[in-house]
Amino acid sequence: MKKIVLLICVAFTTLCSTAQNGPRERIKAFKVAYITEKLDLSSKDAQQFWPIYNNHEATIEKLKKQERKIIRAIKEINNSQSELSDQQAEDFLNTYLDAEEQKSKSQKKLIVDLKKIMSNEKILKLLKAEADFSKRILEKIRERRHRN
């Protein structure tokens, strides 16, 4: 019962605080509720878990933003009918590889930090919950596109 109340409180608080910020923030709120439920986090566990996880998510979001900038820059070059120089291509690839490496390091840091506060089994549940959540979001997007 405590877990259900905690989950409802977390979801409600997050939804209320992010309702004005659009779909991206609503997705984050649902992700928080989903992960909290799947990991069966107590309030004590949640207090330790969320700062670590949120830090990781912020790092990943920043790196994804970098990757999106690279892709936009390449599209702009392609749309302007000009050729991408070999040096530009190499720079884009190096930036992309650096971002991928940083994402990998962040994932490793997340796991190392989480091992200090929770069991390996719960960490594996987190990885599965993240993958399942991503699948669900993609399915919802496909459903909406199909309806329109």
C-alpha atoms as a PDB file:
ATOM      1  CA  MET A   1       0.000   0.000   0.000  1.00  0.00           C
ATOM      2  CA  LYS A   2       2.840   2.392   0.864  1.00  0.00           C
ATOM      3  CA  LYS A   3       4.381   1.752  -2.530  1.00  0.00           C
ATOM      4  CA  ILE A   4       1.178   2.598  -4.360  1.00  0.00           C
ATOM      5  CA  VAL A   5       0.782   5.812  -2.390  1.00  0.00           C
ATOM      6  CA  LEU A   6       4.431   6.711  -3.078  1.00  0.00           C
ATOM      7  CA  LEU A   7       3.984   6.006  -6.785  1.00  0.00           C
ATOM      8  CA  ILE A   8       0.835   8.122  -6.951  1.00  0.00           C
ATOM      9  CA  CYS A   9       2.526  10.971  -5.071  1.00  0.00           C
ATOM     10  CA  VAL A  10       5.578  10.907  -7.320  1.00  0.00           C
ATOM     11  CA  ALA A  11       3.470  10.773 -10.477  1.00  0.00           C
ATOM     12  CA  PHE A  12       1.073  13.475  -9.307  1.00  0.00           C
ATOM     13  CA  THR A  13       3.826  15.825  -8.165  1.00  0.00           C
ATOM     14  CA  THR A  14       5.795  15.341 -11.346  1.00  0.00           C
ATOM     15  CA  LEU A  15       2.748  15.728 -13.576  1.00  0.00           C
ATOM     16  CA  CYS A  16       1.591  18.876 -11.810  1.00  0.00           C
ATOM     17  CA  SER A  17       4.990  20.493 -11.916  1.00  0.00           C
ATOM     18  CA  THR A  18       5.489  19.643 -15.591  1.00  0.00           C
ATOM     19  CA  ALA A  19       1.971  19.993 -17.001  1.00  0.00           C
ATOM     20  CA  GLN A  20       2.784  23.357 -18.536  1.00  0.00           C
ATOM     21  CA  ASN A  21       6.023  22.177 -20.165  1.00  0.00           C
ATOM     22  CA  GLY A  22       4.584  19.978 -22.901  1.00  0.00           C
ATOM     23  CA  PRO A  23       4.809  16.383 -24.033  1.00  0.00           C
ATOM     24  CA  ARG A  24       8.508  15.896 -23.349  1.00  0.00           C
ATOM     25  CA  GLU A  25       8.052  16.703 -19.678  1.00  0.00           C
ATOM     26  CA  ARG A  26       4.941  14.512 -19.447  1.00  0.00           C
ATOM     27  CA  ILE A  27       6.940  11.613 -20.866  1.00  0.00           C
ATOM     28  CA  LYS A  28       9.620  12.201 -18.226  1.00  0.00           C
ATOM     29  CA  ALA A  29       6.941  12.183 -15.528  1.00  0.00           C
ATOM     30  CA  PHE A  30       5.527   8.898 -16.787  1.00  0.00           C
ATOM     31  CA  LYS A  31       9.032   7.457 -16.951  1.00  0.00           C
ATOM     32  CA  VAL A  32       9.620   8.369 -13.303  1.00  0.00           C
ATOM     33  CA  ALA A  33       6.388   6.666 -12.284  1.00  0.00           C
ATOM     34  CA  TYR A  34       7.104   3.631 -14.466  1.00  0.00           C
ATOM     35  CA  ILE A  35      10.636   3.127 -13.140  1.00  0.00           C
ATOM     36  CA  THR A  36       9.532   3.684  -9.543  1.00  0.00           C
ATOM     37  CA  GLU A  37       6.869   1.018  -9.969  1.00  0.00           C
ATOM     38  CA  LYS A  38       9.084  -1.492 -11.778  1.00  0.00           C
ATOM     39  CA  LEU A  39      11.950  -1.147  -9.295  1.00  0.00           C
ATOM     40  CA  ASP A  40       9.584  -1.248  -6.337  1.00  0.00           C
ATOM     41  CA  LEU A  41      11.489   1.635  -4.721  1.00  0.00           C
ATOM     42  CA  SER A  42      10.824   2.494  -1.112  1.00  0.00           C
ATOM     43  CA  SER A  43      10.865   6.184  -0.220  1.00  0.00           C
ATOM     44  CA  LYS A  44      14.380   5.759   1.223  1.00  0.00           C
ATOM     45  CA  ASP A  45      15.600   3.995  -1.914  1.00  0.00           C
ATOM     46  CA  ALA A  46      13.986   6.650  -4.097  1.00  0.00           C
ATOM     47  CA  GLN A  47      15.762   9.433  -2.205  1.00  0.00           C
ATOM     48  CA  GLN A  48      19.116   7.837  -2.991  1.00  0.00           C
ATOM     49  CA  PHE A  49      18.261   6.598  -6.478  1.00  0.00           C
ATOM     50  CA  TRP A  50      16.711   9.625  -8.211  1.00  0.00           C
ATOM     51  CA  PRO A  51      19.562  12.130  -7.787  1.00  0.00           C
ATOM     52  CA  ILE A  52      22.009   9.616  -9.303  1.00  0.00           C
ATOM     53  CA  TYR A  53      19.629   8.659 -12.102  1.00  0.00           C
ATOM     54  CA  ASN A  54      18.627  12.247 -12.884  1.00  0.00           C
ATOM     55  CA  ASN A  55      22.281  13.256 -13.145  1.00  0.00           C
ATOM     56  CA  HIS A  56      22.847  10.418 -15.621  1.00  0.00           C
ATOM     57  CA  GLU A  57      19.749  11.382 -17.615  1.00  0.00           C
ATOM     58  CA  ALA A  58      20.902  15.021 -17.811  1.00  0.00           C
ATOM     59  CA  THR A  59      24.276  13.917 -19.153  1.00  0.00           C
ATOM     60  CA  ILE A  60      22.665  11.633 -21.730  1.00  0.00           C
ATOM     61  CA  GLU A  61      20.243  14.353 -22.820  1.00  0.00           C
ATOM     62  CA  LYS A  62      23.105  16.807 -23.310  1.00  0.00           C
ATOM     63  CA  LEU A  63      24.982  14.271 -25.453  1.00  0.00           C
ATOM     64  CA  LYS A  64      21.892  13.466 -27.514  1.00  0.00           C
ATOM     65  CA  LYS A  65      21.443  17.192 -28.105  1.00  0.00           C
ATOM     66  CA  GLN A  66      25.014  17.308 -29.459  1.00  0.00           C
ATOM     67  CA  GLU A  67      24.250  14.424 -31.803  1.00  0.00           C
ATOM     68  CA  ARG A  68      21.086  16.152 -33.046  1.00  0.00           C
ATOM     69  CA  LYS A  69      23.152  19.283 -33.790  1.00  0.00           C
ATOM     70  CA  ILE A  70      25.542  17.198 -35.875  1.00  0.00           C
ATOM     71  CA  ILE A  71      22.688  15.655 -37.824  1.00  0.00           C
ATOM     72  CA  ARG A  72      21.101  19.090 -38.436  1.00  0.00           C
ATOM     73  CA  ALA A  73      24.433  20.483 -39.638  1.00  0.00           C
ATOM     74  CA  ILE A  74      24.844  17.599 -42.078  1.00  0.00           C
ATOM     75  CA  LYS A  75      21.268  18.085 -43.349  1.00  0.00           C
ATOM     76  CA  GLU A  76      21.900  21.787 -43.868  1.00  0.00           C
ATOM     77  CA  ILE A  77      25.004  21.039 -45.899  1.00  0.00           C
ATOM     78  CA  ASN A  78      23.105  18.468 -47.955  1.00  0.00           C
ATOM     79  CA  ASN A  79      20.155  20.840 -48.475  1.00  0.00           C
ATOM     80  CA  SER A  80      22.426  23.648 -49.642  1.00  0.00           C
ATOM     81  CA  GLN A  81      23.630  21.391 -52.459  1.00  0.00           C
ATOM     82  CA  SER A  82      27.225  21.848 -51.369  1.00  0.00           C
ATOM     83  CA  GLU A  83      29.598  18.973 -50.800  1.00  0.00           C
ATOM     84  CA  LEU A  84      30.751  17.860 -47.406  1.00  0.00           C
ATOM     85  CA  SER A  85      34.516  18.126 -47.316  1.00  0.00           C
ATOM     86  CA  ASP A  86      36.534  15.187 -46.086  1.00  0.00           C
ATOM     87  CA  GLN A  87      37.721  17.275 -43.125  1.00  0.00           C
ATOM     88  CA  GLN A  88      34.141  18.247 -42.219  1.00  0.00           C
ATOM     89  CA  ALA A  89      33.061  14.614 -42.427  1.00  0.00           C
ATOM     90  CA  GLU A  90      35.955  13.564 -40.220  1.00  0.00           C
ATOM     91  CA  ASP A  91      35.114  16.289 -37.683  1.00  0.00           C
ATOM     92  CA  PHE A  92      31.468  15.200 -37.594  1.00  0.00           C
ATOM     93  CA  LEU A  93      32.448  11.564 -37.141  1.00  0.00           C
ATOM     94  CA  ASN A  94      34.912  12.381 -34.356  1.00  0.00           C
ATOM     95  CA  THR A  95      32.320  14.486 -32.543  1.00  0.00           C
ATOM     96  CA  TYR A  96      29.767  11.693 -32.917  1.00  0.00           C
ATOM     97  CA  LEU A  97      32.196   9.060 -31.636  1.00  0.00           C
ATOM     98  CA  ASP A  98      33.131  11.262 -28.669  1.00  0.00           C
ATOM     99  CA  ALA A  99      29.464  11.642 -27.761  1.00  0.00           C
ATOM    100  CA  GLU A 100      28.913   7.878 -28.010  1.00  0.00           C
ATOM    101  CA  GLU A 101      31.946   7.263 -25.798  1.00  0.00           C
ATOM    102  CA  GLN A 102      30.668   9.766 -23.232  1.00  0.00           C
ATOM    103  CA  LYS A 103      27.254   8.042 -23.204  1.00  0.00           C
ATOM    104  CA  SER A 104      28.968   4.727 -22.552  1.00  0.00           C
ATOM    105  CA  LYS A 105      31.038   6.236 -19.726  1.00  0.00           C
ATOM    106  CA  SER A 106      27.911   7.756 -18.217  1.00  0.00           C
ATOM    107  CA  GLN A 107      26.147   4.371 -18.321  1.00  0.00           C
ATOM    108  CA  LYS A 108      29.127   2.723 -16.590  1.00  0.00           C
ATOM    109  CA  LYS A 109      29.205   5.479 -13.951  1.00  0.00           C
ATOM    110  CA  LEU A 110      25.478   5.056 -13.367  1.00  0.00           C
ATOM    111  CA  ILE A 111      25.869   1.338 -12.740  1.00  0.00           C
ATOM    112  CA  VAL A 112      28.900   1.801 -10.455  1.00  0.00           C
ATOM    113  CA  ASP A 113      27.079   4.483  -8.447  1.00  0.00           C
ATOM    114  CA  LEU A 114      23.892   2.442  -8.213  1.00  0.00           C
ATOM    115  CA  LYS A 115      25.800  -0.624  -6.984  1.00  0.00           C
ATOM    116  CA  LYS A 116      26.567   1.370  -3.841  1.00  0.00           C
ATOM    117  CA  ILE A 117      22.883   1.784  -3.000  1.00  0.00           C
ATOM    118  CA  MET A 118      21.003  -1.154  -4.529  1.00  0.00           C
ATOM    119  CA  SER A 119      21.317  -4.762  -5.558  1.00  0.00           C
ATOM    120  CA  ASN A 120      22.572  -5.931  -8.923  1.00  0.00           C
ATOM    121  CA  GLU A 121      19.156  -7.453  -9.543  1.00  0.00           C
ATOM    122  CA  LYS A 122      17.467  -4.055  -9.171  1.00  0.00           C
ATOM    123  CA  ILE A 123      19.998  -2.476 -11.511  1.00  0.00           C
ATOM    124  CA  LEU A 124      19.157  -5.115 -14.118  1.00  0.00           C
ATOM    125  CA  LYS A 125      15.458  -4.386 -13.518  1.00  0.00           C
ATOM    126  CA  LEU A 126      16.217  -0.718 -14.186  1.00  0.00           C
ATOM    127  CA  LEU A 127      17.889  -1.523 -17.500  1.00  0.00           C
ATOM    128  CA  LYS A 128      14.913  -3.659 -18.513  1.00  0.00           C
ATOM    129  CA  ALA A 129      12.439  -1.007 -17.352  1.00  0.00           C
ATOM    130  CA  GLU A 130      14.222   1.650 -19.436  1.00  0.00           C
ATOM    131  CA  ALA A 131      14.103  -0.563 -22.526  1.00  0.00           C
ATOM    132  CA  ASP A 132      10.454  -1.480 -21.936  1.00  0.00           C
ATOM    133  CA  PHE A 133       9.518   2.165 -21.419  1.00  0.00           C
ATOM    134  CA  SER A 134      11.246   3.181 -24.642  1.00  0.00           C
ATOM    135  CA  LYS A 135       9.374   0.437 -26.518  1.00  0.00           C
ATOM    136  CA  ARG A 136       6.069   1.610 -25.089  1.00  0.00           C
ATOM    137  CA  ILE A 137       6.725   5.211 -26.085  1.00  0.00           C
ATOM    138  CA  LEU A 138       7.667   4.195 -29.626  1.00  0.00           C
ATOM    139  CA  GLU A 139       4.521   2.061 -29.881  1.00  0.00           C
ATOM    140  CA  LYS A 140       2.383   5.009 -28.755  1.00  0.00           C
ATOM    141  CA  ILE A 141       4.031   7.282 -31.320  1.00  0.00           C
ATOM    142  CA  ARG A 142       3.436   4.727 -34.082  1.00  0.00           C
ATOM    143  CA  GLU A 143      -0.205   4.350 -33.026  1.00  0.00           C
ATOM    144  CA  ARG A 144      -0.753   8.105 -33.163  1.00  0.00           C
ATOM    145  CA  ARG A 145       0.917   8.407 -36.558  1.00  0.00           C
ATOM    146  CA  HIS A 146      -1.157   5.520 -37.860  1.00  0.00           C
ATOM    147  CA  ARG A 147      -4.395   7.144 -36.625  1.00  0.00           C
ATOM    148  CA  ASN A 148      -3.514  10.430 -38.332  1.00  0.00           C
END
